[in-house]
Amino acid sequence: MRISELLPLRRVNFSFEFFPPKTDDGVESLLRTVAALRVLEPTFVSVTHGALGSNRARAIEVAKRIKAELEVEVMAHLTCVGRTRDELRDVLRELQAAGIENVLALRGDPPKGEERFVPTPGGLRYASELTALIAAEFPFTVAGAAYPEKHPEAPSPEADLAALGEKVRAGAEFLVTQLFFDNEAYFAFVRAARAAGIGVPIVPGIMPITNYEQIARMTKMCGARIPERLLAELEARRDEPEAVVQLGVAYTALQCADLLARGAPGIHFYTLNQSPATRAVVSALLASRSFQELASA
């Protein structure tokens, strides 16, 4: 089913993101992880697009198997990296044949070792171009990425918002944000988007903190800011892995509860292919009286 049709059916939507493993054993492990989270009744799951090489084929395999074997709605990521327009069309036809109805259209990061994104000859330069191609030629629901704290390559928040508007005009029906830890950044971004005429749902993307070094690397790459008080608490526990997980789960549960109470249409969890932290957060939300009142409102 198209996610654009599913989102309005629930006051609160949960979704989970996974990346394609490198091995066959990894695929089986991932399917068990998805099955463990399936009991939380996600609106959909997403599968990231593999890097150059075999992971691309495995990404499609994983998306198809989640849809067919676990009967969970899937959104497949697709990037412009390393493919011509015709090659992108071939991937889209394969996804369509597998019954997948939803695609997250992305430009993609430059290949490892390269500082700038350079489009493939005969390919596409921007996510908005990929969105337009899909919307014009295929019956998918197309989603786009959004950056509450600005895309690292954007010269200004205003330029970033203008690029986002192009994605929506090209056919993006909802948006999923990059990870963030300061809810005020999300709500300020939503207000700015609405003022700019962007009216589609903007789903916040959240990553439970489970590893100090890992989250430090990821926030540096994507430009997300860790609030000072949270950073201080993490640094105080950096040599206590279990304490970091406990703090991360607690913080994420509070963060998500605040987002939902203030009107966010759902939460998209970056799981890093692990279920325990995400399952703990969502289970805590589902068990709370405030969430039950919100979901039934």
Protein backbone atom coordinates (compact mmCIF):
# COMPACT_ATOMS: atom_id res chain seq x y z
CA MET A 1 0.00 0.00 0.00
CA ARG A 2 1.19 3.54 -0.67
CA ILE A 3 2.60 5.25 2.43
CA SER A 4 0.89 8.49 1.43
CA GLU A 5 -2.39 6.64 2.00
CA LEU A 6 -1.25 4.94 5.22
CA LEU A 7 0.02 8.01 7.10
CA PRO A 8 -3.40 9.69 7.51
CA LEU A 9 -4.95 6.49 8.86
CA ARG A 10 -3.12 6.77 12.21
CA ARG A 11 -2.61 9.73 14.50
CA VAL A 12 0.85 8.30 15.28
CA ASN A 13 3.06 6.38 12.84
CA PHE A 14 6.22 4.44 13.69
CA SER A 15 8.67 3.35 11.01
CA PHE A 16 12.11 1.75 11.05
CA GLU A 17 15.13 2.07 8.76
CA PHE A 18 17.59 -0.70 7.94
CA PHE A 19 20.65 -1.01 5.73
CA PRO A 20 21.55 -4.00 3.49
CA PRO A 21 24.00 -6.40 5.14
CA LYS A 22 27.10 -7.52 3.25
CA THR A 23 26.57 -11.26 3.63
CA ASP A 24 23.79 -13.82 3.24
CA ASP A 25 24.02 -14.59 6.97
CA GLY A 26 23.65 -10.87 7.63
CA VAL A 27 20.47 -10.80 5.57
CA GLU A 28 18.95 -13.60 7.63
CA SER A 29 19.94 -11.82 10.84
CA LEU A 30 18.34 -8.63 9.59
CA LEU A 31 15.11 -10.40 8.73
CA ARG A 32 14.99 -11.69 12.32
CA THR A 33 15.50 -8.11 13.55
CA VAL A 34 12.65 -6.86 11.37
CA ALA A 35 10.46 -9.69 12.63
CA ALA A 36 11.22 -8.67 16.23
CA LEU A 37 10.09 -5.11 15.49
CA ARG A 38 7.07 -6.21 13.46
CA VAL A 39 5.11 -6.79 16.67
CA LEU A 40 5.16 -3.01 17.16
CA GLU A 41 3.00 -2.67 14.02
CA PRO A 42 5.13 -0.18 12.08
CA THR A 43 3.43 1.78 9.35
CA PHE A 44 6.40 0.93 7.14
CA VAL A 45 10.09 0.06 7.13
CA SER A 46 12.72 1.50 4.82
CA VAL A 47 15.78 -0.13 3.31
CA THR A 48 18.75 2.06 2.41
CA HIS A 49 20.42 1.89 -0.98
CA GLY A 50 23.65 -0.08 -0.98
CA ALA A 51 26.96 1.43 -1.96
CA LEU A 52 28.59 0.58 -5.27
CA GLY A 53 28.75 -3.16 -5.82
CA SER A 54 26.87 -6.14 -4.44
CA ASN A 55 25.12 -4.26 -1.64
CA ARG A 56 22.91 -2.55 -4.21
CA ALA A 57 21.51 -5.88 -5.37
CA ARG A 58 21.24 -7.04 -1.76
CA ALA A 59 19.28 -3.90 -0.84
CA ILE A 60 16.65 -4.80 -3.42
CA GLU A 61 16.66 -8.42 -2.23
CA VAL A 62 16.11 -7.32 1.38
CA ALA A 63 13.28 -4.95 0.43
CA LYS A 64 11.55 -7.65 -1.60
CA ARG A 65 11.87 -10.27 1.16
CA ILE A 66 10.57 -7.98 3.90
CA LYS A 67 7.55 -7.21 1.76
CA ALA A 68 6.89 -10.81 0.70
CA GLU A 69 7.86 -12.82 3.79
CA LEU A 70 7.07 -10.48 6.68
CA GLU A 71 4.19 -8.61 5.02
CA VAL A 72 5.44 -5.24 6.20
CA GLU A 73 5.09 -2.22 3.93
CA VAL A 74 8.47 -1.23 2.50
CA MET A 75 10.00 2.00 1.27
CA ALA A 76 13.09 1.39 -0.86
CA HIS A 77 15.79 4.05 -0.98
CA LEU A 78 17.14 5.00 -4.39
CA THR A 79 20.08 7.29 -5.10
CA CYS A 80 21.46 8.94 -8.21
CA VAL A 81 24.98 7.67 -7.53
CA GLY A 82 26.59 5.64 -10.29
CA ARG A 83 23.52 5.06 -12.47
CA THR A 84 22.18 6.52 -15.70
CA ARG A 85 18.53 7.45 -16.10
CA ASP A 86 17.83 4.18 -17.88
CA GLU A 87 19.56 2.17 -15.16
CA LEU A 88 17.47 3.96 -12.54
CA ARG A 89 14.36 3.07 -14.53
CA ASP A 90 15.45 -0.58 -14.55
CA VAL A 91 15.70 -0.58 -10.73
CA LEU A 92 12.31 1.06 -10.43
CA ARG A 93 10.75 -1.55 -12.71
CA GLU A 94 12.27 -4.31 -10.56
CA LEU A 95 10.86 -2.75 -7.40
CA GLN A 96 7.48 -2.33 -9.05
CA ALA A 97 7.46 -5.98 -10.15
CA ALA A 98 8.15 -6.99 -6.53
CA GLY A 99 5.04 -5.14 -5.36
CA ILE A 100 6.94 -2.32 -3.65
CA GLU A 101 4.99 0.92 -3.93
CA ASN A 102 7.17 3.45 -2.10
CA VAL A 103 10.56 5.00 -2.85
CA LEU A 104 12.73 7.49 -0.98
CA ALA A 105 14.46 9.53 -3.69
CA LEU A 106 17.95 10.72 -2.73
CA ARG A 107 20.90 12.25 -4.48
CA GLY A 108 23.27 10.10 -2.44
CA ASP A 109 26.70 10.77 -0.98
CA PRO A 110 29.83 11.04 -3.10
CA PRO A 111 31.65 7.71 -3.46
CA LYS A 112 34.19 7.01 -0.73
CA GLY A 113 37.34 9.04 -1.21
CA GLU A 114 35.63 11.76 -3.26
CA GLU A 115 34.77 15.15 -1.76
CA ARG A 116 32.19 16.27 -4.31
CA PHE A 117 29.19 14.59 -5.86
CA VAL A 118 29.68 14.28 -9.63
CA PRO A 119 26.71 12.93 -11.60
CA THR A 120 27.22 9.86 -13.76
CA PRO A 121 27.17 10.68 -17.50
CA GLY A 122 23.57 10.22 -18.51
CA GLY A 123 22.52 10.32 -14.86
CA LEU A 124 20.98 12.84 -12.49
CA ARG A 125 22.46 15.60 -10.37
CA TYR A 126 19.77 16.29 -7.76
CA ALA A 127 17.21 14.38 -5.70
CA SER A 128 14.54 16.66 -7.15
CA GLU A 129 15.40 15.36 -10.63
CA LEU A 130 15.08 11.75 -9.47
CA THR A 131 11.79 12.61 -7.77
CA ALA A 132 10.47 14.15 -10.97
CA LEU A 133 11.49 11.11 -13.02
CA ILE A 134 9.75 8.70 -10.65
CA ALA A 135 6.61 10.82 -10.30
CA ALA A 136 6.29 11.22 -14.08
CA GLU A 137 6.85 7.59 -15.07
CA PHE A 138 5.96 5.32 -12.14
CA PRO A 139 3.04 4.91 -9.69
CA PHE A 140 5.18 5.01 -6.52
CA THR A 141 4.65 7.22 -3.52
CA VAL A 142 7.86 9.27 -3.50
CA ALA A 143 9.39 10.54 -0.26
CA GLY A 144 12.19 13.05 0.19
CA ALA A 145 14.86 13.77 2.80
CA ALA A 146 14.83 16.91 4.92
CA TYR A 147 17.48 18.47 7.16
CA PRO A 148 16.30 20.35 10.28
CA GLU A 149 19.84 21.60 10.93
CA LYS A 150 20.67 22.17 7.23
CA HIS A 151 22.25 19.86 4.70
CA PRO A 152 26.04 19.96 5.22
CA GLU A 153 26.58 21.12 1.63
CA ALA A 154 23.88 23.82 1.59
CA PRO A 155 25.26 27.37 1.68
CA SER A 156 22.44 28.54 3.99
CA PRO A 157 19.22 27.34 5.62
CA GLU A 158 17.29 29.42 3.11
CA ALA A 159 19.01 27.70 0.15
CA ASP A 160 18.39 24.31 1.75
CA LEU A 161 14.70 25.10 2.19
CA ALA A 162 14.46 26.24 -1.42
CA ALA A 163 15.93 22.91 -2.57
CA LEU A 164 13.40 21.10 -0.37
CA GLY A 165 10.60 23.04 -2.02
CA GLU A 166 11.85 21.82 -5.41
CA LYS A 167 11.62 18.21 -4.22
CA VAL A 168 8.03 18.69 -3.12
CA ARG A 169 7.03 20.45 -6.33
CA ALA A 170 8.68 17.60 -8.25
CA GLY A 171 6.40 15.09 -6.53
CA ALA A 172 7.61 14.23 -3.01
CA GLU A 173 4.48 13.39 -0.99
CA PHE A 174 6.08 13.29 2.45
CA LEU A 175 9.49 14.00 4.00
CA VAL A 176 11.70 12.17 6.49
CA THR A 177 14.27 14.20 8.39
CA GLN A 178 17.90 13.57 9.10
CA LEU A 179 18.54 12.55 12.72
CA PHE A 180 18.53 15.27 15.38
CA PHE A 181 18.55 15.49 19.17
CA ASP A 182 17.11 18.95 19.78
CA ASN A 183 13.36 19.00 19.21
CA GLU A 184 13.32 22.78 18.93
CA ALA A 185 15.39 22.44 15.75
CA TYR A 186 12.69 20.19 14.27
CA PHE A 187 9.77 22.43 15.18
CA ALA A 188 11.54 25.57 13.98
CA PHE A 189 12.27 23.77 10.71
CA VAL A 190 8.64 22.70 10.30
CA ARG A 191 7.46 26.28 10.88
CA ALA A 192 9.92 27.55 8.27
CA ALA A 193 8.83 24.88 5.80
CA ARG A 194 5.17 25.73 6.26
CA ALA A 195 5.92 29.42 5.81
CA ALA A 196 7.69 28.53 2.55
CA GLY A 197 4.59 26.74 1.28
CA ILE A 198 5.75 23.16 1.97
CA GLY A 199 2.64 21.43 3.25
CA VAL A 200 3.46 17.70 3.09
CA PRO A 201 3.95 15.61 6.27
CA ILE A 202 7.44 15.97 7.79
CA VAL A 203 8.31 12.84 9.78
CA PRO A 204 11.14 13.31 12.32
CA GLY A 205 14.04 10.88 12.02
CA ILE A 206 15.40 9.72 15.38
CA MET A 207 18.37 7.55 16.34
CA PRO A 208 18.55 6.04 19.84
CA ILE A 209 22.06 6.56 21.19
CA THR A 210 23.70 3.22 21.99
CA ASN A 211 27.40 3.93 21.44
CA TYR A 212 29.30 7.10 22.33
CA GLU A 213 31.98 6.94 19.61
CA GLN A 214 29.49 5.90 16.94
CA ILE A 215 27.10 8.77 17.57
CA ALA A 216 29.98 11.24 17.70
CA ARG A 217 31.09 10.11 14.22
CA MET A 218 27.62 10.16 12.75
CA THR A 219 26.68 13.60 14.04
CA LYS A 220 29.94 14.98 12.67
CA MET A 221 29.14 13.54 9.23
CA CYS A 222 25.55 14.76 9.00
CA GLY A 223 25.85 18.04 10.89
CA ALA A 224 23.45 17.16 13.72
CA ARG A 225 24.08 18.86 17.05
CA ILE A 226 24.00 17.09 20.41
CA PRO A 227 22.67 19.47 23.10
CA GLU A 228 25.34 20.43 25.62
CA ARG A 229 23.69 18.84 28.65
CA LEU A 230 23.14 15.55 26.84
CA LEU A 231 26.71 15.61 25.54
CA ALA A 232 28.04 16.18 29.05
CA GLU A 233 26.07 13.20 30.38
CA LEU A 234 27.30 11.01 27.52
CA GLU A 235 30.90 12.02 28.08
CA ALA A 236 30.56 11.21 31.76
CA ARG A 237 29.58 7.66 30.75
CA ARG A 238 31.86 7.16 27.75
CA ASP A 239 33.72 4.32 29.50
CA GLU A 240 30.48 2.65 30.62
CA PRO A 241 28.81 1.18 27.50
CA GLU A 242 25.73 -0.08 29.33
CA ALA A 243 25.20 3.29 30.98
CA VAL A 244 25.39 4.99 27.58
CA VAL A 245 22.66 2.68 26.26
CA GLN A 246 20.47 3.31 29.30
CA LEU A 247 20.84 7.07 28.93
CA GLY A 248 20.29 6.89 25.16
CA VAL A 249 17.07 4.91 25.47
CA ALA A 250 15.73 7.16 28.22
CA TYR A 251 16.55 10.34 26.31
CA THR A 252 15.05 9.01 23.08
CA ALA A 253 11.82 7.99 24.80
CA LEU A 254 11.44 11.48 26.28
CA GLN A 255 12.36 13.09 22.96
CA CYS A 256 9.80 11.04 21.04
CA ALA A 257 7.06 11.63 23.58
CA ASP A 258 7.61 15.38 23.26
CA LEU A 259 7.63 15.25 19.45
CA LEU A 260 4.37 13.31 19.31
CA ALA A 261 2.64 15.43 21.96
CA ARG A 262 3.47 18.56 19.96
CA GLY A 263 2.07 17.29 16.70
CA ALA A 264 4.71 15.29 14.84
CA PRO A 265 2.96 12.78 12.53
CA GLY A 266 5.15 9.89 13.69
CA ILE A 267 8.72 8.81 14.31
CA HIS A 268 11.13 7.23 11.83
CA PHE A 269 13.80 5.29 13.74
CA TYR A 270 17.32 4.83 12.42
CA THR A 271 17.89 1.38 13.90
CA LEU A 272 21.41 0.56 12.62
CA ASN A 273 19.96 -2.95 12.10
CA GLN A 274 19.52 -3.49 15.85
CA SER A 275 16.17 -3.97 17.56
CA PRO A 276 16.63 -3.74 21.38
CA ALA A 277 16.97 0.04 21.84
CA THR A 278 14.28 0.94 19.32
CA ARG A 279 11.95 -1.73 20.65
CA ALA A 280 12.44 -0.45 24.22
CA VAL A 281 11.65 3.13 23.19
CA VAL A 282 8.53 2.28 21.18
CA SER A 283 7.30 -0.19 23.80
CA ALA A 284 7.62 2.48 26.50
CA LEU A 285 5.66 4.93 24.36
CA LEU A 286 2.93 2.40 23.61
CA ALA A 287 2.61 1.53 27.30
CA SER A 288 2.24 5.12 28.47
CA ARG A 289 -1.18 6.54 29.24
CA SER A 290 -0.37 9.81 27.50
CA PHE A 291 0.43 7.95 24.27
CA GLN A 292 -2.79 5.93 24.43
CA GLU A 293 -4.77 9.14 24.88
CA LEU A 294 -2.91 10.75 21.99
CA ALA A 295 -3.40 7.81 19.65
CA SER A 296 -7.13 7.68 20.32
CA ALA A 297 -7.66 11.44 19.97
